[in-house]
C-alpha cells in the first residue's frame, strides 16, 4: 500500500511540474510574445487558473495530512 501511495504522489508531482513548466515556459510566454489583447487575456486567465489549481492542491494536501485541523 505504501508503494502505491508513493507512486501516486510522485506521479502527481511530476504532472504538476510538467504542467507548470509547460505553461510558464511555453504557452504563457508564447501568448505574451504575441501581444494581442485576446492573447494577453488568455495568458491572464491561464495564470489565474494555475494559481487556483495550486491553491486548491495545497489545501487538499494540508487537509489530507491533518484531517482534524480547523474543526473543534
PDB file of N, CA and C in Angstrom:
ATOM      1  N   UNK A   1       0.820  -1.194   0.000  1.00  0.00           N
ATOM      2  CA  UNK A   1       0.000   0.000   0.000  1.00  0.00           C
ATOM      3  C   UNK A   1       0.863   1.257   0.000  1.00  0.00           C
ATOM      4  N   UNK A   2       1.976   1.239   0.712  1.00  0.00           N
ATOM      5  CA  UNK A   2       2.853   2.404   0.754  1.00  0.00           C
ATOM      6  C   UNK A   2       3.436   2.695  -0.625  1.00  0.00           C
ATOM      7  N   UNK A   3       3.800   1.633  -1.369  1.00  0.00           N
ATOM      8  CA  UNK A   3       4.375   1.828  -2.697  1.00  0.00           C
ATOM      9  C   UNK A   3       3.362   2.463  -3.641  1.00  0.00           C
ATOM     10  N   UNK A   4       2.110   2.096  -3.507  1.00  0.00           N
ATOM     11  CA  UNK A   4       1.059   2.679  -4.354  1.00  0.00           C
ATOM     12  C   UNK A   4       0.883   4.166  -4.056  1.00  0.00           C
ATOM     13  N   UNK A   5       0.858   4.533  -2.768  1.00  0.00           N
ATOM     14  CA  UNK A   5       0.715   5.941  -2.396  1.00  0.00           C
ATOM     15  C   UNK A   5       1.922   6.754  -2.862  1.00  0.00           C
ATOM     16  N   UNK A   6       3.118   6.187  -2.687  1.00  0.00           N
ATOM     17  CA  UNK A   6       4.323   6.882  -3.119  1.00  0.00           C
ATOM     18  C   UNK A   6       4.318   7.080  -4.626  1.00  0.00           C
ATOM     19  N   UNK A   7       3.892   6.068  -5.366  1.00  0.00           N
ATOM     20  CA  UNK A   7       3.824   6.181  -6.820  1.00  0.00           C
ATOM     21  C   UNK A   7       2.842   7.265  -7.237  1.00  0.00           C
ATOM     22  N   UNK A   8       1.683   7.316  -6.604  1.00  0.00           N
ATOM     23  CA  UNK A   8       0.700   8.342  -6.940  1.00  0.00           C
ATOM     24  C   UNK A   8       1.193   9.743  -6.587  1.00  0.00           C
ATOM     25  N   UNK A   9       1.866   9.872  -5.458  1.00  0.00           N
ATOM     26  CA  UNK A   9       2.408  11.179  -5.067  1.00  0.00           C
ATOM     27  C   UNK A   9       3.474  11.635  -6.056  1.00  0.00           C
ATOM     28  N   UNK A  10       4.376  10.740  -6.425  1.00  0.00           N
ATOM     29  CA  UNK A  10       5.428  11.096  -7.376  1.00  0.00           C
ATOM     30  C   UNK A  10       4.862  11.397  -8.754  1.00  0.00           C
ATOM     31  N   UNK A  11       3.860  10.635  -9.183  1.00  0.00           N
ATOM     32  CA  UNK A  11       3.235  10.895 -10.470  1.00  0.00           C
ATOM     33  C   UNK A  11       2.522  12.240 -10.465  1.00  0.00           C
ATOM     34  N   UNK A  12       1.817  12.545  -9.379  1.00  0.00           N
ATOM     35  CA  UNK A  12       1.155  13.843  -9.271  1.00  0.00           C
ATOM     36  C   UNK A  12       2.145  14.997  -9.275  1.00  0.00           C
ATOM     37  N   UNK A  13       3.244  14.834  -8.552  1.00  0.00           N
ATOM     38  CA  UNK A  13       4.266  15.888  -8.525  1.00  0.00           C
ATOM     39  C   UNK A  13       4.887  16.076  -9.902  1.00  0.00           C
ATOM     40  N   UNK A  14       5.125  14.983 -10.606  1.00  0.00           N
ATOM     41  CA  UNK A  14       5.707  15.076 -11.948  1.00  0.00           C
ATOM     42  C   UNK A  14       4.748  15.762 -12.918  1.00  0.00           C
ATOM     43  N   UNK A  15       3.473  15.390 -12.870  1.00  0.00           N
ATOM     44  CA  UNK A  15       2.491  16.019 -13.752  1.00  0.00           C
ATOM     45  C   UNK A  15       2.326  17.504 -13.439  1.00  0.00           C
ATOM     46  N   UNK A  16       2.342  17.860 -12.158  1.00  0.00           N
ATOM     47  CA  UNK A  16       2.243  19.270 -11.786  1.00  0.00           C
ATOM     48  C   UNK A  16       3.463  20.041 -12.286  1.00  0.00           C
ATOM     49  N   UNK A  17       4.646  19.462 -12.136  1.00  0.00           N
ATOM     50  CA  UNK A  17       5.867  20.118 -12.605  1.00  0.00           C
ATOM     51  C   UNK A  17       5.858  20.292 -14.115  1.00  0.00           C
ATOM     52  N   UNK A  18       5.453  19.250 -14.843  1.00  0.00           N
ATOM     53  CA  UNK A  18       5.393  19.337 -16.299  1.00  0.00           C
ATOM     54  C   UNK A  18       4.366  20.383 -16.729  1.00  0.00           C
ATOM     55  N   UNK A  19       3.207  20.402 -16.057  1.00  0.00           N
ATOM     56  CA  UNK A  19       2.191  21.399 -16.383  1.00  0.00           C
ATOM     57  C   UNK A  19       2.651  22.818 -16.094  1.00  0.00           C
ATOM     58  N   UNK A  20       3.331  22.995 -14.979  1.00  0.00           N
ATOM     59  CA  UNK A  20       3.820  24.327 -14.621  1.00  0.00           C
ATOM     60  C   UNK A  20       4.886  24.803 -15.603  1.00  0.00           C
ATOM     61  N   UNK A  21       5.834  23.928 -15.904  1.00  0.00           N
ATOM     62  CA  UNK A  21       6.882  24.301 -16.859  1.00  0.00           C
ATOM     63  C   UNK A  21       6.304  24.501 -18.256  1.00  0.00           C
ATOM     64  N   UNK A  22       5.316  23.694 -18.613  1.00  0.00           N
ATOM     65  CA  UNK A  22       4.685  23.860 -19.918  1.00  0.00           C
ATOM     66  C   UNK A  22       3.937  25.178 -20.031  1.00  0.00           C
ATOM     67  N   UNK A  23       3.271  25.578 -18.949  1.00  0.00           N
ATOM     68  CA  UNK A  23       2.529  26.833 -19.006  1.00  0.00           C
ATOM     69  C   UNK A  23       3.465  28.033 -19.003  1.00  0.00           C
ATOM     70  N   UNK A  24       4.361  28.094 -18.013  1.00  0.00           N
ATOM     71  CA  UNK A  24       5.214  29.275 -17.886  1.00  0.00           C
ATOM     72  C   UNK A  24       6.381  29.273 -18.866  1.00  0.00           C
ATOM     73  N   UNK A  25       6.805  28.117 -19.316  1.00  0.00           N
ATOM     74  CA  UNK A  25       7.955  28.064 -20.215  1.00  0.00           C
ATOM     75  C   UNK A  25       7.597  28.064 -21.684  1.00  0.00           C
ATOM     76  N   UNK A  26       6.319  27.730 -22.001  1.00  0.00           N
ATOM     77  CA  UNK A  26       5.986  27.622 -23.409  1.00  0.00           C
ATOM     78  C   UNK A  26       4.709  28.385 -23.753  1.00  0.00           C
ATOM     79  N   UNK A  27       3.593  27.959 -23.250  1.00  0.00           N
ATOM     80  CA  UNK A  27       2.318  28.572 -23.646  1.00  0.00           C
ATOM     81  C   UNK A  27       2.175  30.005 -23.158  1.00  0.00           C
ATOM     82  N   UNK A  28       2.456  30.238 -21.881  1.00  0.00           N
ATOM     83  CA  UNK A  28       2.317  31.588 -21.339  1.00  0.00           C
ATOM     84  C   UNK A  28       3.229  32.587 -22.018  1.00  0.00           C
ATOM     85  N   UNK A  29       4.480  32.200 -22.240  1.00  0.00           N
ATOM     86  CA  UNK A  29       5.419  33.101 -22.907  1.00  0.00           C
ATOM     87  C   UNK A  29       5.017  33.358 -24.349  1.00  0.00           C
ATOM     88  N   UNK A  30       4.519  32.324 -25.016  1.00  0.00           N
ATOM     89  CA  UNK A  30       4.080  32.495 -26.398  1.00  0.00           C
ATOM     90  C   UNK A  30       2.905  33.457 -26.480  1.00  0.00           C
ATOM     91  N   UNK A  31       1.978  33.336 -25.530  1.00  0.00           N
ATOM     92  CA  UNK A  31       0.839  34.255 -25.524  1.00  0.00           C
ATOM     93  C   UNK A  31       1.281  35.685 -25.226  1.00  0.00           C
ATOM     94  N   UNK A  32       2.242  35.853 -24.318  1.00  0.00           N
ATOM     95  CA  UNK A  32       2.724  37.201 -24.007  1.00  0.00           C
ATOM     96  C   UNK A  32       3.498  37.805 -25.170  1.00  0.00           C
ATOM     97  N   UNK A  33       4.244  36.986 -25.887  1.00  0.00           N
ATOM     98  CA  UNK A  33       5.008  37.492 -27.029  1.00  0.00           C
ATOM     99  C   UNK A  33       4.110  37.863 -28.196  1.00  0.00           C
ATOM    100  N   UNK A  34       2.938  37.219 -28.297  1.00  0.00           N
ATOM    101  CA  UNK A  34       2.002  37.553 -29.369  1.00  0.00           C
ATOM    102  C   UNK A  34       1.540  38.995 -29.219  1.00  0.00           C
ATOM    103  N   UNK A  35       1.164  39.386 -28.030  1.00  0.00           N
ATOM    104  CA  UNK A  35       0.887  40.783 -27.733  1.00  0.00           C
ATOM    105  C   UNK A  35      -0.504  41.275 -28.067  1.00  0.00           C
ATOM    106  N   UNK A  36      -1.353  40.446 -28.654  1.00  0.00           N
ATOM    107  CA  UNK A  36      -2.707  40.916 -28.925  1.00  0.00           C
ATOM    108  C   UNK A  36      -3.511  40.937 -27.629  1.00  0.00           C
ATOM    109  N   UNK A  37      -4.600  41.680 -27.645  1.00  0.00           N
ATOM    110  CA  UNK A  37      -5.436  41.772 -26.449  1.00  0.00           C
ATOM    111  C   UNK A  37      -6.006  40.410 -26.085  1.00  0.00           C
ATOM    112  N   UNK A  38      -6.443  39.651 -27.082  1.00  0.00           N
ATOM    113  CA  UNK A  38      -7.003  38.328 -26.824  1.00  0.00           C
ATOM    114  C   UNK A  38      -5.960  37.397 -26.208  1.00  0.00           C
ATOM    115  N   UNK A  39      -4.738  37.418 -26.725  1.00  0.00           N
ATOM    116  CA  UNK A  39      -3.686  36.555 -26.196  1.00  0.00           C
ATOM    117  C   UNK A  39      -3.325  36.941 -24.766  1.00  0.00           C
ATOM    118  N   UNK A  40      -3.300  38.243 -24.482  1.00  0.00           N
ATOM    119  CA  UNK A  40      -2.990  38.684 -23.121  1.00  0.00           C
ATOM    120  C   UNK A  40      -4.081  38.279 -22.140  1.00  0.00           C
ATOM    121  N   UNK A  41      -5.339  38.315 -22.578  1.00  0.00           N
ATOM    122  CA  UNK A  41      -6.426  37.865 -21.716  1.00  0.00           C
ATOM    123  C   UNK A  41      -6.335  36.361 -21.464  1.00  0.00           C
ATOM    124  N   UNK A  42      -5.982  35.594 -22.493  1.00  0.00           N
ATOM    125  CA  UNK A  42      -5.783  34.156 -22.313  1.00  0.00           C
ATOM    126  C   UNK A  42      -4.625  33.879 -21.358  1.00  0.00           C
ATOM    127  N   UNK A  43      -3.554  34.647 -21.475  1.00  0.00           N
ATOM    128  CA  UNK A  43      -2.408  34.466 -20.579  1.00  0.00           C
ATOM    129  C   UNK A  43      -2.800  34.788 -19.140  1.00  0.00           C
ATOM    130  N   UNK A  44      -3.552  35.852 -18.953  1.00  0.00           N
ATOM    131  CA  UNK A  44      -4.013  36.223 -17.612  1.00  0.00           C
ATOM    132  C   UNK A  44      -4.946  35.157 -17.046  1.00  0.00           C
ATOM    133  N   UNK A  45      -5.893  34.696 -17.856  1.00  0.00           N
ATOM    134  CA  UNK A  45      -6.827  33.671 -17.412  1.00  0.00           C
ATOM    135  C   UNK A  45      -6.133  32.353 -17.092  1.00  0.00           C
ATOM    136  N   UNK A  46      -5.167  31.975 -17.912  1.00  0.00           N
ATOM    137  CA  UNK A  46      -4.427  30.744 -17.661  1.00  0.00           C
ATOM    138  C   UNK A  46      -3.602  30.817 -16.388  1.00  0.00           C
ATOM    139  N   UNK A  47      -3.003  31.968 -16.134  1.00  0.00           N
ATOM    140  CA  UNK A  47      -2.231  32.135 -14.912  1.00  0.00           C
ATOM    141  C   UNK A  47      -3.140  32.129 -13.686  1.00  0.00           C
ATOM    142  N   UNK A  48      -4.309  32.741 -13.798  1.00  0.00           N
ATOM    143  CA  UNK A  48      -5.279  32.693 -12.686  1.00  0.00           C
ATOM    144  C   UNK A  48      -5.743  31.266 -12.431  1.00  0.00           C
ATOM    145  N   UNK A  49      -5.996  30.515 -13.493  1.00  0.00           N
ATOM    146  CA  UNK A  49      -6.397  29.115 -13.339  1.00  0.00           C
ATOM    147  C   UNK A  49      -5.286  28.301 -12.693  1.00  0.00           C
ATOM    148  N   UNK A  50      -4.042  28.564 -13.077  1.00  0.00           N
ATOM    149  CA  UNK A  50      -2.904  27.851 -12.484  1.00  0.00           C
ATOM    150  C   UNK A  50      -2.807  28.172 -10.992  1.00  0.00           C
ATOM    151  N   UNK A  51      -3.000  29.443 -10.623  1.00  0.00           N
ATOM    152  CA  UNK A  51      -2.926  29.815  -9.206  1.00  0.00           C
ATOM    153  C   UNK A  51      -4.062  29.184  -8.405  1.00  0.00           C
ATOM    154  N   UNK A  52      -5.271  29.136  -8.960  1.00  0.00           N
ATOM    155  CA  UNK A  52      -6.393  28.495  -8.270  1.00  0.00           C
ATOM    156  C   UNK A  52      -6.149  27.003  -8.087  1.00  0.00           C
ATOM    157  N   UNK A  53      -5.629  26.355  -9.116  1.00  0.00           N
ATOM    158  CA  UNK A  53      -5.323  24.933  -9.019  1.00  0.00           C
ATOM    159  C   UNK A  53      -4.256  24.684  -7.955  1.00  0.00           C
ATOM    160  N   UNK A  54      -3.223  25.524  -7.931  1.00  0.00           N
ATOM    161  CA  UNK A  54      -2.155  25.379  -6.950  1.00  0.00           C
ATOM    162  C   UNK A  54      -2.689  25.572  -5.528  1.00  0.00           C
ATOM    163  N   UNK A  55      -3.510  26.588  -5.325  1.00  0.00           N
ATOM    164  CA  UNK A  55      -4.085  26.836  -4.007  1.00  0.00           C
ATOM    165  C   UNK A  55      -4.965  25.663  -3.570  1.00  0.00           C
ATOM    166  N   UNK A  56      -5.791  25.164  -4.471  1.00  0.00           N
ATOM    167  CA  UNK A  56      -6.640  24.026  -4.157  1.00  0.00           C
ATOM    168  C   UNK A  56      -5.842  22.776  -3.823  1.00  0.00           C
ATOM    169  N   UNK A  57      -4.752  22.572  -4.547  1.00  0.00           N
ATOM    170  CA  UNK A  57      -3.902  21.414  -4.280  1.00  0.00           C
ATOM    171  C   UNK A  57      -3.229  21.536  -2.912  1.00  0.00           C
ATOM    172  N   UNK A  58      -2.795  22.731  -2.556  1.00  0.00           N
ATOM    173  CA  UNK A  58      -2.162  22.945  -1.248  1.00  0.00           C
ATOM    174  C   UNK A  58      -3.171  22.698  -0.129  1.00  0.00           C
ATOM    175  N   UNK A  59      -4.390  23.198  -0.286  1.00  0.00           N
ATOM    176  CA  UNK A  59      -5.428  22.974   0.719  1.00  0.00           C
ATOM    177  C   UNK A  59      -5.729  21.483   0.842  1.00  0.00           C
ATOM    178  N   UNK A  60      -5.806  20.791  -0.281  1.00  0.00           N
ATOM    179  CA  UNK A  60      -6.068  19.347  -0.257  1.00  0.00           C
ATOM    180  C   UNK A  60      -4.956  18.592   0.474  1.00  0.00           C
ATOM    181  N   UNK A  61      -3.711  18.961   0.216  1.00  0.00           N
ATOM    182  CA  UNK A  61      -2.580  18.294   0.876  1.00  0.00           C
ATOM    183  C   UNK A  61      -2.624  18.538   2.378  1.00  0.00           C
ATOM    184  N   UNK A  62      -2.908  19.766   2.787  1.00  0.00           N
ATOM    185  CA  UNK A  62      -2.961  20.079   4.215  1.00  0.00           C
ATOM    186  C   UNK A  62      -4.115  19.343   4.884  1.00  0.00           C
ATOM    187  N   UNK A  63      -5.283  19.317   4.242  1.00  0.00           N
ATOM    188  CA  UNK A  63      -6.427  18.622   4.834  1.00  0.00           C
ATOM    189  C   UNK A  63      -6.204  17.113   4.885  1.00  0.00           C
ATOM    190  N   UNK A  64      -5.478  16.564   3.930  1.00  0.00           N
ATOM    191  CA  UNK A  64      -5.186  15.134   3.946  1.00  0.00           C
ATOM    192  C   UNK A  64      -4.186  14.800   5.051  1.00  0.00           C
ATOM    193  N   UNK A  65      -3.211  15.680   5.245  1.00  0.00           N
ATOM    194  CA  UNK A  65      -2.189  15.427   6.255  1.00  0.00           C
ATOM    195  C   UNK A  65      -2.756  15.618   7.662  1.00  0.00           C
ATOM    196  N   UNK A  66      -3.630  16.592   7.847  1.00  0.00           N
ATOM    197  CA  UNK A  66      -4.215  16.880   9.163  1.00  0.00           C
ATOM    198  C   UNK A  66      -5.734  16.971   9.022  1.00  0.00           C
ATOM    199  N   UNK A  67      -6.437  15.853   8.987  1.00  0.00           N
ATOM    200  CA  UNK A  67      -7.887  15.892   8.740  1.00  0.00           C
ATOM    201  C   UNK A  67      -8.691  16.574   9.840  1.00  0.00           C
ATOM    202  N   UNK A  68      -8.153  16.695  11.047  1.00  0.00           N
ATOM    203  CA  UNK A  68      -8.903  17.327  12.140  1.00  0.00           C
ATOM    204  C   UNK A  68      -8.577  18.799  12.288  1.00  0.00           C
ATOM    205  N   UNK A  69      -7.696  19.350  11.474  1.00  0.00           N
ATOM    206  CA  UNK A  69      -7.319  20.757  11.610  1.00  0.00           C
ATOM    207  C   UNK A  69      -8.509  21.652  11.238  1.00  0.00           C
ATOM    208  N   UNK A  70      -8.758  22.634  12.055  1.00  0.00           N
ATOM    209  CA  UNK A  70      -9.818  23.578  11.791  1.00  0.00           C
ATOM    210  C   UNK A  70     -11.144  23.210  12.420  1.00  0.00           C
ATOM    211  N   UNK A  71     -11.377  21.950  12.692  1.00  0.00           N
ATOM    212  CA  UNK A  71     -12.626  21.535  13.321  1.00  0.00           C
ATOM    213  C   UNK A  71     -12.414  21.265  14.798  1.00  0.00           C
ATOM    214  N   UNK A  72     -13.329  21.761  15.643  1.00  0.00           N
ATOM    215  CA  UNK A  72     -13.139  21.561  17.072  1.00  0.00           C
ATOM    216  C   UNK A  72     -14.137  20.624  17.626  1.00  0.00           C
TER     217      UNK A  72
END
